[in-house]
Amino acid sequence: MLNNLVKIKLNKLKGINPQKLGVFFDGKELPSQLIDSDSDGKLDMLTFLVDLKAGEIKTIKIKEQKIKRHFVKRAHAEVSEKRGYKLIDGVYTGGYFKSVKTTTTPPGHIDHNYYYKCEGPCWESDRVGYRLYLDWRNSVDVFGKKVADSVLPNVGHTKDSKGHDSYHTMSDWGMDIYKVGNSLGIGTFGAWINGKVEKVSKTDSTICIITNDGPIVASINIKYFGWNFGKGKSDLNSNIQIIAGSRLTHYSFYIQTDYNQFCTGIANHPNTTFLLSNDKSDNHWNYIALWGKQSLAGANDELGTAIFYNNKQKIKLTEDELSKIIILKPVNGKIDYYFAACWQQEPNGIKNIKEFKKYLEDILDELNNPVNISQL
C-alpha cells in the first residue's frame, strides 16, 4: 500500500494549472489530491501517496496533463443534519438526514436528540472509521470495518427493532465496536483540572466544517467558541485528518491560554494488556496502547487501541478509573497527537498482540523518520 503522504504547497509549483496536476514515479501516476490545509476554504496544497522505505530516495515528477485522473475514494469525512423533523420533547423526531459541509450546533443541543446522524461528524479510511459526539461529551468512538469500501454515507439512517441505531448491530460492512461511556474513548481531548479530566463540554457555540473529502485525504475542522474548562475560557480550534490506507487519525488543537495542562487517552477496558514505549529523546514520538477483548463485536473479539504522542508535549502519564491518560502541554499554542484502532476483523487485519506490537513500532518508525522533500 502507498501510505506515505507527501504535501507540497501549490505556491511552490509555478506555471502549472493545479486542477490538471499529475504526480508520477517511473511513468506510473500516483494517487493525488488538492487539499485545503488550513481550513480557509481554499485549496493550497498538493498531496500524494508514495511507498518509501527508511532511507530510500525516490524522484517524483509533477506535471500538467490534459485530463485529470479520478482516483478510487479511500478516505471520507461527513456530517449530516436532520431535515423534515418534528421537535418533540427536545428530540428531533422523524425526517431524514442530509449531508452538509458546515454545521453549527443548535441552541440547547444535547446527546441522543437525533439531530446529527451518528451523533456528529464521521471519518474513515479503507481500514477503519471513527465518529465524534458533537455534544457535551465530545468523545471519539470507533467503527470497525469488514470491507475496504467507503461505508459511512449509508450508516446511521436506520434503527433496529428496539429503536437503536442499526450500526450497533453487526452487518456486512461492520459495526460500532467500541464502548466509550464516560471515558476518553479513543483520543478524546480535554483539560486536566485538579487531577480530573474536563472534556470540551461547556462552549458558547460550536461549528464543524468538512474541509477535505477524499479520495486520499479526509479532514474536519471544529471550532469551539468560548470553551469554559474550569481554569479560564478560550476558543479552541481542532483539526481531524485521516489518509487512505491508514488507521491513524491525526488530531491537532490550537488554543491561546496561559493554562498548560491538557490531556487525551484511551478507555481502560478490562481483559486488555497495556503497552507503552519509552524513548526519552527530545522531539521523539511514543505510544500508549491496549490490546485485548475490548470489542463490542463479541466476547472473544479482539481490538487494539493506541495513542501516539510527542515527547516535547508530554508532561506525564497517569490514569483514572475509566481511562489511560497522557497529560500534554501546548507548544506554541498547539497540541497534536495520533490515535489508531486495529480490529482483528478488518480486511487483512491485525490478529494478535504480537502483530499489534509490530504495527505500533512500525508507526513509531514512520513518525520519527518523516519524509524529507527537496525540489529539483
Protein backbone atom coordinates (compact mmCIF):
# COMPACT_ATOMS: atom_id res chain seq x y z
CA MET A 1 0.00 0.00 0.00
CA LEU A 2 1.13 3.58 -0.69
CA ASN A 3 0.86 5.04 2.79
CA ASN A 4 3.44 7.84 2.95
CA LEU A 5 1.60 11.13 2.47
CA VAL A 6 3.66 13.87 0.83
CA LYS A 7 2.50 17.50 0.92
CA ILE A 8 3.72 20.31 -1.35
CA LYS A 9 2.42 23.88 -1.22
CA LEU A 10 0.86 24.93 -4.51
CA ASN A 11 2.76 28.22 -4.46
CA LYS A 12 5.93 26.16 -4.89
CA LEU A 13 4.65 24.81 -8.21
CA LYS A 14 4.86 27.78 -10.53
CA GLY A 15 3.37 27.86 -14.01
CA ILE A 16 1.23 24.73 -13.64
CA ASN A 17 -2.57 24.61 -13.57
CA PRO A 18 -3.25 22.98 -10.18
CA GLN A 19 -6.50 21.46 -11.44
CA LYS A 20 -4.55 19.44 -14.00
CA LEU A 21 -1.62 18.27 -11.89
CA GLY A 22 -0.43 14.70 -12.16
CA VAL A 23 2.18 13.01 -9.96
CA PHE A 24 4.35 10.27 -11.48
CA PHE A 25 7.01 7.77 -10.44
CA ASP A 26 8.67 5.58 -13.09
CA GLY A 27 5.96 6.62 -15.55
CA LYS A 28 3.12 5.47 -13.27
CA GLU A 29 0.68 8.01 -11.88
CA LEU A 30 0.37 8.10 -8.10
CA PRO A 31 -2.87 8.85 -6.23
CA SER A 32 -3.00 12.59 -5.56
CA GLN A 33 -5.38 15.26 -4.24
CA LEU A 34 -5.52 19.02 -3.82
CA ILE A 35 -6.43 19.92 -0.24
CA ASP A 36 -7.32 22.86 1.95
CA SER A 37 -4.59 22.56 4.60
CA ASP A 38 -5.55 25.50 6.82
CA SER A 39 -9.37 25.37 6.80
CA ASP A 40 -9.79 28.69 4.98
CA GLY A 41 -11.88 27.22 2.15
CA LYS A 42 -9.08 27.45 -0.43
CA LEU A 43 -7.08 24.62 -2.00
CA ASP A 44 -3.45 25.33 -1.16
CA MET A 45 -1.62 22.01 -1.07
CA LEU A 46 -0.87 19.10 -3.40
CA THR A 47 -0.83 15.76 -1.61
CA PHE A 48 0.07 12.33 -2.92
CA LEU A 49 0.81 8.84 -1.64
CA VAL A 50 4.14 7.15 -2.22
CA ASP A 51 5.69 3.95 -0.89
CA LEU A 52 9.01 4.74 0.80
CA LYS A 53 11.26 2.57 2.93
CA ALA A 54 13.57 4.02 5.58
CA GLY A 55 16.46 5.82 3.91
CA GLU A 56 15.04 5.33 0.42
CA ILE A 57 15.24 8.14 -2.15
CA LYS A 58 12.74 8.49 -5.00
CA THR A 59 12.44 11.09 -7.72
CA ILE A 60 8.84 12.13 -8.33
CA LYS A 61 7.72 14.05 -11.40
CA ILE A 62 4.86 16.55 -11.16
CA LYS A 63 3.45 17.76 -14.44
CA GLU A 64 0.35 19.20 -16.06
CA GLN A 65 -1.78 16.77 -18.04
CA LYS A 66 -4.71 17.17 -20.40
CA ILE A 67 -7.18 15.10 -18.40
CA LYS A 68 -7.24 14.98 -14.60
CA ARG A 69 -7.49 11.39 -13.42
CA HIS A 70 -10.06 10.41 -10.78
CA PHE A 71 -8.83 8.01 -8.11
CA VAL A 72 -10.70 5.46 -6.02
CA LYS A 73 -12.07 7.12 -2.89
CA ARG A 74 -10.23 5.63 0.08
CA ALA A 75 -10.79 8.42 2.62
CA HIS A 76 -14.07 10.12 3.51
CA ALA A 77 -15.44 12.65 6.01
CA GLU A 78 -19.02 13.78 6.57
CA VAL A 79 -21.51 15.36 8.93
CA SER A 80 -25.29 15.09 8.42
CA GLU A 81 -28.11 17.16 9.93
CA LYS A 82 -31.74 16.19 10.45
CA ARG A 83 -34.24 17.64 7.96
CA GLY A 84 -38.06 17.49 7.86
CA TYR A 85 -38.31 16.67 11.56
CA LYS A 86 -40.73 17.43 14.37
CA LEU A 87 -39.16 18.62 17.62
CA ILE A 88 -40.92 16.61 20.33
CA ASP A 89 -39.73 16.93 23.95
CA GLY A 90 -36.30 18.01 22.74
CA VAL A 91 -35.92 15.10 20.30
CA TYR A 92 -35.67 15.62 16.52
CA THR A 93 -38.31 13.09 15.51
CA GLY A 94 -38.94 11.70 12.01
CA GLY A 95 -37.50 13.32 8.92
CA TYR A 96 -34.23 12.37 7.25
CA PHE A 97 -30.52 13.15 7.40
CA LYS A 98 -28.80 15.38 4.87
CA SER A 99 -25.03 15.58 4.44
CA VAL A 100 -23.73 19.16 4.82
CA LYS A 101 -20.34 20.80 4.52
CA THR A 102 -20.79 23.09 7.54
CA THR A 103 -22.93 22.84 10.66
CA THR A 104 -23.43 24.89 13.81
CA THR A 105 -24.76 23.00 16.81
CA PRO A 106 -28.30 24.24 17.55
CA PRO A 107 -29.12 26.04 20.83
CA GLY A 108 -29.70 23.61 23.67
CA HIS A 109 -28.17 20.71 21.74
CA ILE A 110 -27.72 17.57 23.87
CA ASP A 111 -26.73 13.97 23.34
CA HIS A 112 -29.14 11.44 21.84
CA ASN A 113 -31.54 14.02 20.43
CA TYR A 114 -31.01 12.67 16.87
CA TYR A 115 -30.12 16.00 15.27
CA TYR A 116 -26.91 14.53 13.83
CA LYS A 117 -26.54 11.23 12.04
CA CYS A 118 -24.15 9.06 14.07
CA GLU A 119 -24.29 11.84 16.73
CA GLY A 120 -21.76 14.03 14.92
CA PRO A 121 -19.05 14.07 12.25
CA CYS A 122 -17.63 10.78 10.96
CA TRP A 123 -14.47 9.94 9.05
CA GLU A 124 -12.99 6.78 7.57
CA SER A 125 -10.20 5.26 5.55
CA ASP A 126 -10.30 1.91 3.79
CA ARG A 127 -9.17 0.43 7.14
CA VAL A 128 -11.36 1.87 9.89
CA GLY A 129 -13.96 4.51 10.71
CA TYR A 130 -14.41 6.94 13.58
CA ARG A 131 -17.05 9.35 14.85
CA LEU A 132 -17.13 12.26 17.28
CA TYR A 133 -20.08 13.02 19.53
CA LEU A 134 -20.76 16.68 18.71
CA ASP A 135 -22.30 17.47 22.09
CA TRP A 136 -21.17 17.89 25.71
CA ARG A 137 -19.35 14.53 25.61
CA ASN A 138 -17.14 15.47 22.63
CA SER A 139 -15.79 11.89 22.67
CA VAL A 140 -14.40 9.77 19.84
CA ASP A 141 -15.79 6.30 19.00
CA VAL A 142 -14.77 3.54 16.56
CA PHE A 143 -16.48 1.87 13.61
CA GLY A 144 -14.91 -1.48 12.81
CA LYS A 145 -14.93 -2.11 9.05
CA LYS A 146 -15.05 -5.53 7.38
CA VAL A 147 -14.76 -4.01 3.89
CA ALA A 148 -12.41 -1.52 2.26
CA ASP A 149 -15.22 0.43 0.56
CA SER A 150 -16.46 3.75 1.93
CA VAL A 151 -19.44 2.84 4.12
CA LEU A 152 -20.28 5.88 6.25
CA PRO A 153 -22.64 7.59 3.76
CA ASN A 154 -25.02 4.65 4.26
CA VAL A 155 -24.54 4.25 8.01
CA GLY A 156 -26.85 5.77 10.63
CA HIS A 157 -30.04 6.16 8.60
CA THR A 158 -31.93 3.21 10.12
CA LYS A 159 -32.82 1.78 13.51
CA ASP A 160 -33.29 -1.77 14.78
CA SER A 161 -36.49 -3.26 16.20
CA LYS A 162 -35.73 -1.74 19.61
CA GLY A 163 -35.29 1.76 18.22
CA HIS A 164 -31.49 1.77 18.49
CA ASP A 165 -29.21 2.89 15.67
CA SER A 166 -28.60 -0.14 13.47
CA TYR A 167 -24.83 0.37 13.44
CA HIS A 168 -24.76 -1.14 16.94
CA THR A 169 -25.58 -4.49 15.31
CA MET A 170 -23.14 -6.41 13.11
CA SER A 171 -23.76 -6.05 9.38
CA ASP A 172 -21.88 -6.91 6.20
CA TRP A 173 -19.75 -3.76 6.47
CA GLY A 174 -19.06 -3.96 10.23
CA MET A 175 -20.42 -2.06 13.26
CA ASP A 176 -19.72 0.31 16.14
CA ILE A 177 -17.24 -1.86 18.06
CA TYR A 178 -16.16 0.36 20.96
CA LYS A 179 -17.67 1.25 24.32
CA VAL A 180 -16.89 4.84 25.27
CA GLY A 181 -19.23 5.70 28.14
CA ASN A 182 -17.74 8.47 30.30
CA SER A 183 -14.16 7.52 29.42
CA LEU A 184 -11.80 9.26 26.99
CA GLY A 185 -12.87 6.79 24.31
CA ILE A 186 -10.02 6.90 21.82
CA GLY A 187 -8.11 10.16 21.54
CA THR A 188 -10.76 12.39 23.14
CA PHE A 189 -9.32 15.79 24.11
CA GLY A 190 -9.76 17.56 27.41
CA ALA A 191 -8.19 19.74 30.07
CA TRP A 192 -6.54 18.23 33.15
CA ILE A 193 -8.00 20.13 36.11
CA ASN A 194 -7.15 19.24 39.72
CA GLY A 195 -6.41 15.63 38.83
CA LYS A 196 -9.54 15.14 36.71
CA VAL A 197 -10.47 15.20 33.02
CA GLU A 198 -12.57 18.16 31.87
CA LYS A 199 -13.87 17.46 28.36
CA VAL A 200 -14.85 20.11 25.83
CA SER A 201 -18.36 20.27 27.25
CA LYS A 202 -19.20 23.90 28.01
CA THR A 203 -18.95 26.18 24.97
CA ASP A 204 -20.73 29.27 23.70
CA SER A 205 -21.06 27.74 20.22
CA THR A 206 -19.51 25.06 18.01
CA ILE A 207 -19.00 24.98 14.24
CA CYS A 208 -17.99 21.85 12.34
CA ILE A 209 -16.66 22.05 8.75
CA ILE A 210 -15.78 19.23 6.35
CA THR A 211 -12.56 20.62 4.86
CA ASN A 212 -11.47 17.70 2.66
CA ASP A 213 -13.36 14.63 1.49
CA GLY A 214 -11.01 12.27 -0.32
CA PRO A 215 -10.02 10.49 -2.39
CA ILE A 216 -6.83 10.12 -0.29
CA VAL A 217 -7.18 12.77 2.44
CA ALA A 218 -10.28 13.47 4.54
CA SER A 219 -10.35 16.15 7.22
CA ILE A 220 -12.65 18.03 9.56
CA ASN A 221 -12.25 21.39 11.28
CA ILE A 222 -14.17 22.03 14.50
CA LYS A 223 -14.18 25.45 16.13
CA TYR A 224 -15.27 25.66 19.77
CA PHE A 225 -16.00 29.24 20.77
CA GLY A 226 -15.79 30.15 24.45
CA TRP A 227 -14.73 26.80 25.90
CA ASN A 228 -15.06 27.11 29.68
CA PHE A 229 -12.69 24.46 31.03
CA GLY A 230 -12.52 25.47 34.69
CA LYS A 231 -9.25 27.40 34.53
CA GLY A 232 -10.41 30.03 32.10
CA LYS A 233 -12.36 30.49 28.91
CA SER A 234 -10.79 30.21 25.46
CA ASP A 235 -11.58 29.45 21.85
CA LEU A 236 -10.34 26.04 20.69
CA ASN A 237 -9.64 25.20 17.05
CA SER A 238 -9.31 21.49 16.22
CA ASN A 239 -8.45 19.56 13.06
CA ILE A 240 -9.04 15.88 12.34
CA GLN A 241 -7.31 14.12 9.43
CA ILE A 242 -7.19 10.57 8.07
CA ILE A 243 -5.46 9.29 4.94
CA ALA A 244 -6.04 6.36 2.61
CA GLY A 245 -4.55 3.06 3.72
CA SER A 246 -4.03 4.21 7.31
CA ARG A 247 -5.71 3.56 10.64
CA LEU A 248 -4.24 6.76 12.08
CA THR A 249 -6.25 9.86 12.85
CA HIS A 250 -4.11 12.99 13.25
CA TYR A 251 -5.81 15.21 15.84
CA SER A 252 -4.47 18.74 16.35
CA PHE A 253 -5.60 21.62 18.56
CA TYR A 254 -4.82 25.32 18.72
CA ILE A 255 -5.54 27.25 21.90
CA GLN A 256 -4.38 30.56 23.34
CA THR A 257 -4.31 30.34 27.12
CA ASP A 258 -1.84 30.57 29.99
CA TYR A 259 -3.06 27.20 31.28
CA ASN A 260 -0.81 24.36 30.13
CA GLN A 261 -2.23 21.01 31.26
CA PHE A 262 -4.42 19.23 28.75
CA CYS A 263 -4.93 15.54 28.12
CA THR A 264 -6.05 12.68 25.95
CA GLY A 265 -6.17 8.92 26.37
CA ILE A 266 -7.92 5.62 25.73
CA ALA A 267 -10.72 3.81 27.54
CA ASN A 268 -9.21 1.43 30.10
CA HIS A 269 -11.25 -1.69 29.42
CA PRO A 270 -10.82 -4.98 31.32
CA ASN A 271 -9.30 -8.05 29.64
CA THR A 272 -6.63 -5.94 27.95
CA THR A 273 -2.84 -5.74 28.02
CA PHE A 274 -1.26 -2.31 28.44
CA LEU A 275 1.66 -1.47 26.16
CA LEU A 276 3.88 1.60 26.04
CA SER A 277 7.12 2.82 24.52
CA ASN A 278 9.60 4.93 26.44
CA ASP A 279 12.05 6.68 24.12
CA LYS A 280 13.09 9.73 26.13
CA SER A 281 14.79 11.51 23.22
CA ASP A 282 13.70 15.09 22.63
CA ASN A 283 11.03 15.53 19.96
CA HIS A 284 10.53 11.77 19.56
CA TRP A 285 7.19 10.03 19.37
CA ASN A 286 5.97 7.38 21.82
CA TYR A 287 2.77 5.42 22.33
CA ILE A 288 0.42 4.02 24.92
CA ALA A 289 -1.81 1.17 23.77
CA LEU A 290 -4.23 -1.54 24.86
CA TRP A 291 -4.80 -4.90 23.20
CA GLY A 292 -7.44 -7.44 24.12
CA LYS A 293 -11.09 -8.37 24.30
CA GLN A 294 -12.40 -4.81 24.34
CA SER A 295 -14.59 -5.00 21.24
CA LEU A 296 -18.40 -4.93 21.24
CA ALA A 297 -18.44 -7.40 18.33
CA GLY A 298 -18.30 -10.49 20.55
CA ALA A 299 -16.95 -11.86 23.82
CA ASN A 300 -13.76 -13.12 22.19
CA ASP A 301 -13.35 -10.36 19.61
CA GLU A 302 -10.06 -8.50 19.97
CA LEU A 303 -9.20 -4.87 19.34
CA GLY A 304 -6.10 -2.74 19.72
CA THR A 305 -6.26 0.96 20.58
CA ALA A 306 -3.33 3.37 20.68
CA ILE A 307 -2.30 6.99 21.15
CA PHE A 308 0.93 8.34 19.66
CA TYR A 309 2.28 11.48 21.34
CA ASN A 310 5.42 13.61 21.08
CA ASN A 311 7.84 13.97 23.98
CA LYS A 312 8.06 17.74 23.53
CA GLN A 313 4.40 17.99 24.61
CA LYS A 314 4.33 15.25 27.26
CA ILE A 315 4.01 16.19 30.93
CA LYS A 316 3.29 12.73 32.35
CA LEU A 317 1.30 9.52 32.02
CA THR A 318 -1.46 8.74 34.52
CA GLU A 319 -4.86 7.04 34.71
CA ASP A 320 -8.21 7.18 36.42
CA GLU A 321 -10.90 4.54 36.90
CA LEU A 322 -12.01 4.90 33.27
CA SER A 323 -9.01 5.78 31.08
CA LYS A 324 -5.29 5.58 30.47
CA ILE A 325 -4.28 9.25 30.25
CA ILE A 326 -1.47 11.34 28.77
CA ILE A 327 -1.14 14.88 30.13
CA LEU A 328 0.14 17.24 27.44
CA LYS A 329 1.22 20.86 27.21
CA PRO A 330 0.81 23.19 24.22
CA VAL A 331 3.92 24.13 22.27
CA ASN A 332 3.47 27.49 20.53
CA GLY A 333 -0.26 27.21 21.22
CA LYS A 334 -0.58 23.77 19.58
CA ILE A 335 -1.15 20.22 20.79
CA ASP A 336 -1.27 17.33 18.35
CA TYR A 337 -1.23 13.55 18.51
CA TYR A 338 -2.37 10.49 16.57
CA PHE A 339 -4.69 7.65 17.51
CA ALA A 340 -5.50 4.32 15.92
CA ALA A 341 -7.90 1.41 16.33
CA CYS A 342 -6.85 -2.01 14.98
CA TRP A 343 -9.68 -4.52 14.71
CA GLN A 344 -8.95 -8.18 14.04
CA GLN A 345 -11.94 -8.49 11.66
CA GLU A 346 -10.85 -5.72 9.28
CA PRO A 347 -9.59 -6.99 5.87
CA ASN A 348 -6.07 -8.35 6.44
CA GLY A 349 -6.40 -7.14 10.00
CA ILE A 350 -4.08 -7.45 12.97
CA LYS A 351 -4.90 -10.78 14.62
CA ASN A 352 -2.89 -10.90 17.84
CA ILE A 353 -0.79 -8.88 20.27
CA LYS A 354 2.46 -9.80 18.51
CA GLU A 355 1.21 -8.29 15.24
CA PHE A 356 -0.15 -5.29 17.15
CA LYS A 357 3.24 -4.61 18.76
CA LYS A 358 4.90 -4.73 15.33
CA TYR A 359 2.32 -2.28 13.98
CA LEU A 360 2.98 0.13 16.85
CA GLU A 361 6.73 0.02 16.28
CA ASP A 362 6.29 0.49 12.52
CA ILE A 363 4.19 3.61 13.13
CA LEU A 364 6.79 4.97 15.55
CA ASP A 365 9.45 4.46 12.89
CA GLU A 366 7.36 6.44 10.38
CA LEU A 367 6.63 9.28 12.81
CA ASN A 368 10.23 9.56 13.98
CA ASN A 369 11.59 9.44 10.43
CA PRO A 370 9.34 11.71 8.33
CA VAL A 371 9.69 12.07 4.57
CA ASN A 372 12.10 14.82 3.52
CA ILE A 373 11.32 16.73 0.30
CA SER A 374 13.72 18.62 -1.93
CA GLN A 375 12.68 20.28 -5.17
CA LEU A 376 14.98 19.81 -8.16
